[in-house]
Every structure is written in C-alpha cells, then in structure tokens.
Protein backbone atom coordinates (compact mmCIF):
# COMPACT_ATOMS: atom_id res chain seq x y z
CA MET A 1 8.53 -23.99 -8.64
CA GLN A 2 11.72 -21.69 -9.67
CA LEU A 3 11.61 -18.49 -11.05
CA GLU A 4 13.05 -19.41 -14.42
CA GLU A 5 10.48 -22.32 -14.55
CA PHE A 6 7.65 -19.91 -13.98
CA LEU A 7 8.76 -17.28 -16.26
CA GLU A 8 8.88 -19.94 -19.14
CA ASN A 9 5.26 -20.76 -18.35
CA LEU A 10 4.39 -17.07 -18.34
CA GLU A 11 6.26 -16.85 -21.75
CA ARG A 12 4.24 -19.62 -23.33
CA ALA A 13 0.67 -18.27 -22.39
CA ALA A 14 -1.56 -17.93 -25.38
CA GLY A 15 -4.07 -15.98 -23.73
CA LEU A 16 -5.66 -14.42 -20.87
CA GLU A 17 -7.06 -17.64 -19.30
CA ASP A 18 -3.32 -18.76 -19.32
CA ILE A 19 -2.06 -15.40 -17.45
CA GLN A 20 -4.75 -16.38 -14.88
CA SER A 21 -3.65 -19.95 -14.02
CA CYS A 22 0.14 -18.45 -14.13
CA ILE A 23 -1.11 -16.14 -11.17
CA ILE A 24 -2.96 -18.66 -9.49
CA GLY A 25 0.18 -20.65 -9.63
CA LEU A 26 2.36 -17.85 -8.56
CA ARG A 27 0.14 -17.33 -5.42
CA ASP A 28 0.07 -20.81 -4.34
CA HIS A 29 3.92 -20.88 -4.70
CA TYR A 30 4.45 -17.70 -2.42
CA GLN A 31 1.77 -18.90 0.21
CA ILE A 32 0.19 -15.86 0.57
CA ASP A 33 -3.33 -14.65 -0.14
CA HIS A 34 -3.62 -12.88 -3.05
CA ILE A 35 -1.74 -11.71 -6.08
CA VAL A 36 -3.20 -9.23 -8.52
CA TYR A 37 -2.15 -7.46 -11.96
CA HIS A 38 -4.19 -4.41 -12.45
CA TRP A 39 -4.03 -2.16 -15.22
CA VAL A 40 -5.68 1.42 -14.74
CA SER A 41 -6.19 3.20 -18.08
CA SER A 42 -6.00 7.06 -18.68
CA ASP A 43 -9.57 7.41 -18.70
CA GLY A 44 -10.32 5.26 -15.66
CA GLU A 45 -11.03 1.97 -17.14
CA GLN A 46 -9.91 -1.11 -15.01
CA TYR A 47 -8.52 -4.32 -16.50
CA GLY A 48 -6.50 -7.14 -14.69
CA CYS A 49 -6.36 -10.64 -13.37
CA GLY A 50 -5.48 -12.06 -10.06
CA THR A 51 -6.85 -14.06 -6.94
CA TYR A 52 -9.12 -11.22 -5.23
CA PRO A 53 -12.52 -12.54 -4.40
CA PRO A 54 -14.90 -11.79 -7.24
CA ALA A 55 -16.98 -10.07 -5.07
CA TRP A 56 -14.77 -7.49 -3.90
CA VAL A 57 -13.48 -6.88 -7.97
CA GLN A 58 -17.06 -5.93 -8.30
CA HIS A 59 -17.77 -3.83 -4.91
CA TYR A 60 -14.64 -2.00 -5.37
CA VAL A 61 -15.91 -0.90 -9.08
CA ASP A 62 -19.23 -0.47 -8.03
CA HIS A 63 -18.21 2.08 -5.41
CA ASP A 64 -15.64 3.56 -7.56
CA TYR A 65 -12.96 3.05 -5.25
CA LEU A 66 -10.37 3.80 -7.77
CA ARG A 67 -10.89 7.52 -6.92
CA ILE A 68 -9.73 7.13 -3.43
CA ASP A 69 -7.62 3.86 -3.30
CA PRO A 70 -4.29 4.67 -1.27
CA VAL A 71 -2.55 1.97 -3.08
CA VAL A 72 -3.37 3.21 -6.50
CA ILE A 73 -2.57 6.92 -5.67
CA GLY A 74 0.42 6.22 -4.08
CA CYS A 75 1.91 4.07 -6.81
CA PHE A 76 1.13 7.16 -9.14
CA GLN A 77 3.39 9.04 -6.91
CA ARG A 78 6.28 6.40 -6.92
CA PHE A 79 8.75 5.06 -9.48
CA HIS A 80 9.43 1.95 -7.16
CA PRO A 81 7.84 -0.72 -4.94
CA VAL A 82 5.94 0.19 -1.77
CA ASP A 83 4.59 -1.43 1.42
CA TRP A 84 1.26 -0.40 1.83
CA LYS A 85 2.29 0.59 5.64
CA ARG A 86 4.11 3.72 3.72
CA LEU A 87 1.27 4.79 2.21
CA ASP A 88 -0.92 7.66 3.24
CA TRP A 89 -4.06 6.16 5.05
CA SER A 90 -4.86 9.11 7.27
CA SER A 91 -8.21 10.28 5.43
CA LYS A 92 -11.37 8.97 6.96
CA ALA A 93 -12.35 7.78 3.19
CA ALA A 94 -8.97 5.94 2.88
CA ARG A 95 -9.57 4.14 6.58
CA ALA A 96 -13.23 3.06 5.72
CA PHE A 97 -11.68 1.90 2.29
CA GLN A 98 -9.16 -0.28 4.10
CA LYS A 99 -11.60 -1.63 6.65
CA ASP A 100 -13.91 -2.49 3.56
CA ALA A 101 -10.97 -4.48 1.62
CA ILE A 102 -9.75 -6.20 4.73
CA ALA A 103 -13.29 -7.63 5.45
CA HIS A 104 -13.58 -8.90 1.95
CA GLY A 105 -10.29 -10.71 2.43
CA VAL A 106 -7.72 -8.59 0.45
CA GLY A 107 -5.51 -8.88 3.49
CA ASN A 108 -3.65 -6.68 6.23
CA GLN A 109 -0.51 -6.52 4.41
CA GLY A 110 0.47 -5.55 0.96
CA PHE A 111 3.19 -4.98 -1.48
CA SER A 112 2.65 -3.11 -4.78
CA ILE A 113 4.87 -2.34 -7.65
CA PRO A 114 4.22 0.33 -10.16
CA ILE A 115 4.79 -0.42 -13.88
CA ARG A 116 4.87 2.38 -16.52
CA GLY A 117 4.61 1.13 -20.10
CA PRO A 118 4.77 2.72 -23.51
CA ASN A 119 2.78 5.94 -24.12
CA GLY A 120 2.03 6.48 -20.29
CA GLN A 121 0.84 2.98 -19.57
CA PHE A 122 0.25 2.41 -15.79
CA ALA A 123 -0.34 -0.76 -14.14
CA LEU A 124 0.33 -2.41 -10.77
CA PHE A 125 1.29 -5.79 -9.46
CA THR A 126 0.33 -6.36 -6.11
CA ALA A 127 0.89 -9.16 -3.38
CA SER A 128 -1.14 -9.27 0.00
CA HIS A 129 -1.71 -11.52 2.50
CA ASN A 130 -3.16 -11.37 6.24
CA CYS A 131 -0.17 -11.79 9.04
CA ASP A 132 1.88 -9.73 11.40
CA ASP A 133 4.32 -7.00 10.20
CA ALA A 134 7.28 -8.97 11.09
CA VAL A 135 6.29 -12.05 8.78
CA TRP A 136 5.63 -9.79 6.06
CA ALA A 137 8.68 -7.66 6.23
CA ALA A 138 10.71 -10.95 5.91
CA PHE A 139 8.42 -12.03 3.04
CA THR A 140 9.07 -8.76 1.02
CA LYS A 141 12.72 -9.05 1.83
CA THR A 142 13.49 -12.26 0.56
CA ASN A 143 11.02 -12.01 -2.65
CA GLN A 144 10.83 -8.27 -3.79
CA ARG A 145 13.47 -8.72 -6.54
CA ASP A 146 11.82 -11.78 -8.35
CA LEU A 147 8.50 -10.16 -7.64
CA ILE A 148 9.58 -7.18 -9.44
CA LEU A 149 10.82 -9.16 -12.31
CA ILE A 150 7.90 -11.24 -12.45
CA ALA A 151 5.70 -8.11 -12.67
CA HIS A 152 7.44 -6.84 -15.89
CA TYR A 153 7.05 -9.92 -17.58
CA PHE A 154 3.32 -9.65 -16.77
CA ASN A 155 2.97 -6.61 -18.08
CA HIS A 156 4.86 -7.42 -21.23
CA LYS A 157 2.07 -10.33 -21.74
CA ALA A 158 -0.58 -7.91 -20.91
CA LEU A 159 0.51 -5.53 -23.46
CA GLU A 160 0.77 -8.33 -26.15
CA PHE A 161 -2.84 -9.59 -25.82
CA GLU A 162 -4.49 -6.34 -25.03
CA LYS A 163 -2.65 -4.04 -27.49
CA LYS A 164 -5.96 -1.97 -27.90
CA ARG A 165 -5.81 -0.78 -24.16
CA THR A 166 -2.53 0.69 -24.66
CA PRO A 167 -2.69 4.33 -24.42
CA GLU A 168 -1.93 6.55 -27.76
CA PRO A 169 1.24 8.59 -27.74
CA ALA A 170 0.79 11.61 -25.74
CA LYS A 171 0.42 14.65 -27.77
CA SER A 172 3.51 17.30 -27.33
CA LEU A 173 3.62 19.78 -24.53
CA SER A 174 3.71 23.53 -25.36
CA PRO A 175 6.79 25.33 -23.82
CA ARG A 176 4.66 27.05 -20.97
CA GLU A 177 3.03 23.63 -20.04
CA ILE A 178 6.46 22.14 -19.94
CA ASP A 179 7.76 24.84 -17.44
CA ALA A 180 4.70 24.57 -15.25
CA LEU A 181 4.85 20.34 -14.68
CA THR A 182 8.62 21.17 -14.40
CA TYR A 183 8.18 23.50 -11.52
CA LEU A 184 5.53 21.58 -9.75
CA ALA A 185 7.69 18.39 -10.20
CA MET A 186 10.46 20.56 -8.40
CA GLY A 187 8.38 20.81 -5.34
CA TYR A 188 7.11 24.43 -6.09
CA GLY A 189 3.19 25.78 -4.93
CA ARG A 190 1.14 26.88 -7.49
CA GLY A 191 1.47 30.42 -6.24
CA GLN A 192 5.31 30.36 -6.72
CA VAL A 193 5.12 28.94 -10.30
CA ALA A 194 2.68 31.45 -11.20
CA ASP A 195 5.06 34.18 -10.19
CA MET A 196 8.31 32.56 -11.73
CA LEU A 197 6.38 32.39 -14.94
CA ASP A 198 5.26 35.98 -14.53
CA ILE A 199 1.12 34.55 -15.32
CA SER A 200 -1.69 34.42 -12.91
CA GLU A 201 -2.98 31.13 -11.22
CA HIS A 202 -5.94 31.19 -13.23
CA THR A 203 -3.61 31.12 -16.58
CA LEU A 204 -1.45 28.61 -14.75
CA ARG A 205 -4.74 26.46 -14.04
CA ALA A 206 -5.25 26.48 -17.62
CA TYR A 207 -1.78 25.58 -18.58
CA ILE A 208 -2.08 22.47 -15.96
CA GLU A 209 -5.27 21.53 -17.45
CA SER A 210 -4.35 21.39 -20.81
CA ALA A 211 -1.14 19.15 -19.94
CA ARG A 212 -3.10 17.00 -17.94
CA PHE A 213 -5.50 16.63 -21.04
CA LYS A 214 -2.69 15.67 -23.42
CA LEU A 215 -1.06 13.16 -21.15
CA GLY A 216 -4.56 11.62 -20.13
CA ALA A 217 -3.80 11.84 -16.61
CA MET A 218 -6.48 11.65 -13.86
CA ASN A 219 -5.32 14.50 -11.76
CA THR A 220 -2.08 16.88 -11.70
CA THR A 221 0.01 14.40 -9.73
CA HIS A 222 -0.47 11.80 -12.45
CA ALA A 223 0.58 14.45 -15.06
CA VAL A 224 3.75 15.42 -13.51
CA ALA A 225 4.32 11.49 -12.87
CA ARG A 226 3.62 10.74 -16.49
CA ALA A 227 5.68 13.43 -17.46
CA LEU A 228 8.60 12.46 -16.07
CA SER A 229 8.18 8.79 -17.01
CA GLU A 230 8.12 9.72 -20.48
CA GLY A 231 11.00 12.00 -20.44
CA LEU A 232 8.66 14.99 -21.66
CA ILE A 233 10.14 17.00 -18.24
CA VAL A 234 13.58 16.47 -16.67
CA VAL A 235 14.53 17.56 -13.01
CA GLY A 236 17.54 18.18 -11.48
CA GLY A 237 19.27 14.93 -10.09
CA ALA A 238 17.71 12.41 -12.50
CA ALA A 239 18.47 9.31 -10.84
CA ARG A 240 16.98 10.68 -7.84
CA ALA A 241 13.92 11.13 -9.85
CA ALA A 242 13.34 7.91 -11.28
CA ALA A 243 13.97 6.42 -7.86
CA GLY A 244 11.02 8.58 -6.45
CA ASP A 245 13.49 10.90 -4.39
CA TRP A 246 13.49 13.99 -5.90
CA PRO A 247 13.93 17.41 -4.50
CA GLY A 248 11.01 18.62 -2.62
CA ARG A 249 9.07 15.06 -3.29
CA ASP A 250 7.10 15.46 -0.25
CA GLN A 251 6.02 18.69 -0.19
CA ALA A 252 5.34 18.52 -3.98
CA GLN A 253 2.91 15.48 -3.55
CA ALA A 254 0.96 17.25 -1.26
CA ARG A 255 0.82 20.83 -3.11
CA ILE A 256 0.00 19.45 -6.43
CA ALA A 257 -2.33 16.96 -5.27
CA VAL A 258 -6.03 17.75 -6.73
C-alpha cells in the first residue's frame, strides 16, 4: 500500500469504524505490533482508536495511568516526534508502568508524534513494536516523515467526526499571567519569576493556577506548552521554541513540573 493510497482511503472515511479499519491496515502495512491515535482532552477525558489490546486500554483507564505515563507527559513538553527511549523513565512509577505495558503487549519500543490542534487540542499518534534498538532505529529513520503526515491526517479526521470534543477557545490571559508563563518558558525558577515580577511566590502561584484554569491545562508544564502553541506567549528564538529547543528548556521542564 502506497502512502497516497492510504491517505485517499483515510480521506474517504465516513465514520470512526472506517478510521479504525485504516489504522489496522496501516499497522499491517508497516508490519509492527501497534499503531494508536490517542486524544487527551483538557479535563483528562481520553478518546482514540488503535490496535492496543482492549484489556490494556481498560487497564490503562482503570489505573489512571494518564497521570504518570511518560509518553503523554513527555509529549506535552515537546513539539516534535520522540522515541520512547529518550523520555524520562527514571521514577519508580514510570518503570512499573513500563513493565506493565510490556506485559500487556504494548512493545518495548515506541515512537510518538505530538499533535496540537484548534484551541489547545492535544493528541498523540504512536507506533510501537517489540524489537531491538537497531531494528527500531532503522524503522523510524525510514518511516518517520510519512508517519508525521499520516498523524496529522488522522487528527484532521478525528476533529471532523468528533467536533464536540474540541476544546472551547481559551480565555484571554491577563498581563501578569502572560508574564509568569513567559518567564517559566524561558527557564526561570518560580522564586526568580516572583522576584522579577516583584510579587510573593504565593501570589505567583495564584497567577499560574488562574492561567492553567483558563487554558484547560492539566499542570503548569501543560499550561506553558499550550500558551506557546497558541501564540499567547512568545519566547526569544521562536523557531527554537517551535522545535522544542528553546533556551533553558531542560531546566524549565524540571522547575515547572507539578
């Protein structure tokens, strides 16, 4: 199956069942274990389609794994695709989650593409497989461009069929909220931001929480990512920001994580 043929089939999809058939066909074409489209709404509701075992999907929801899933958390902090090996699996909870996922057949390798749509919509398109590092590196190098294109086509169709799930437009941020998120995005710690704004850390926390609520963000990291993606805040070196390589990124992720 050629890429053009697949995209044409996806374009003709008339409902969610057709999308599911497309994703199964795509998995079979690439001869990997799983391909999944995963939409996470601002209030934590999950929606998607894919080839993960139903038992794992229910297990994931029952254990509220969305809160600790390094793939979801890591992709909130990034703007371009990431191999799972590059994510943070250092915590005890993350390692336990990884072991559980592999036991349920998810695979020991993964490649996820963050997607940001209208009004802060966030989704992931993921390919996963069980193989060694060399095989997976060759797969992603060969196919990542096509997978990125396919991911955005999938998201377009999901928005077409599930308009009610699209977040409402974000409320406007106040000047103080914009300042607070901008400095956090630049990599400053909360104490430094409070000093620069000449306010207490308690007051700063109130501004951050207010901004987070307006943006429908799950945590501060998500609020910064959403504000950046929607153009509500601008950080020097916009091209680097869009590529997930803005100044102080690594320090900022550690400092603003909630």
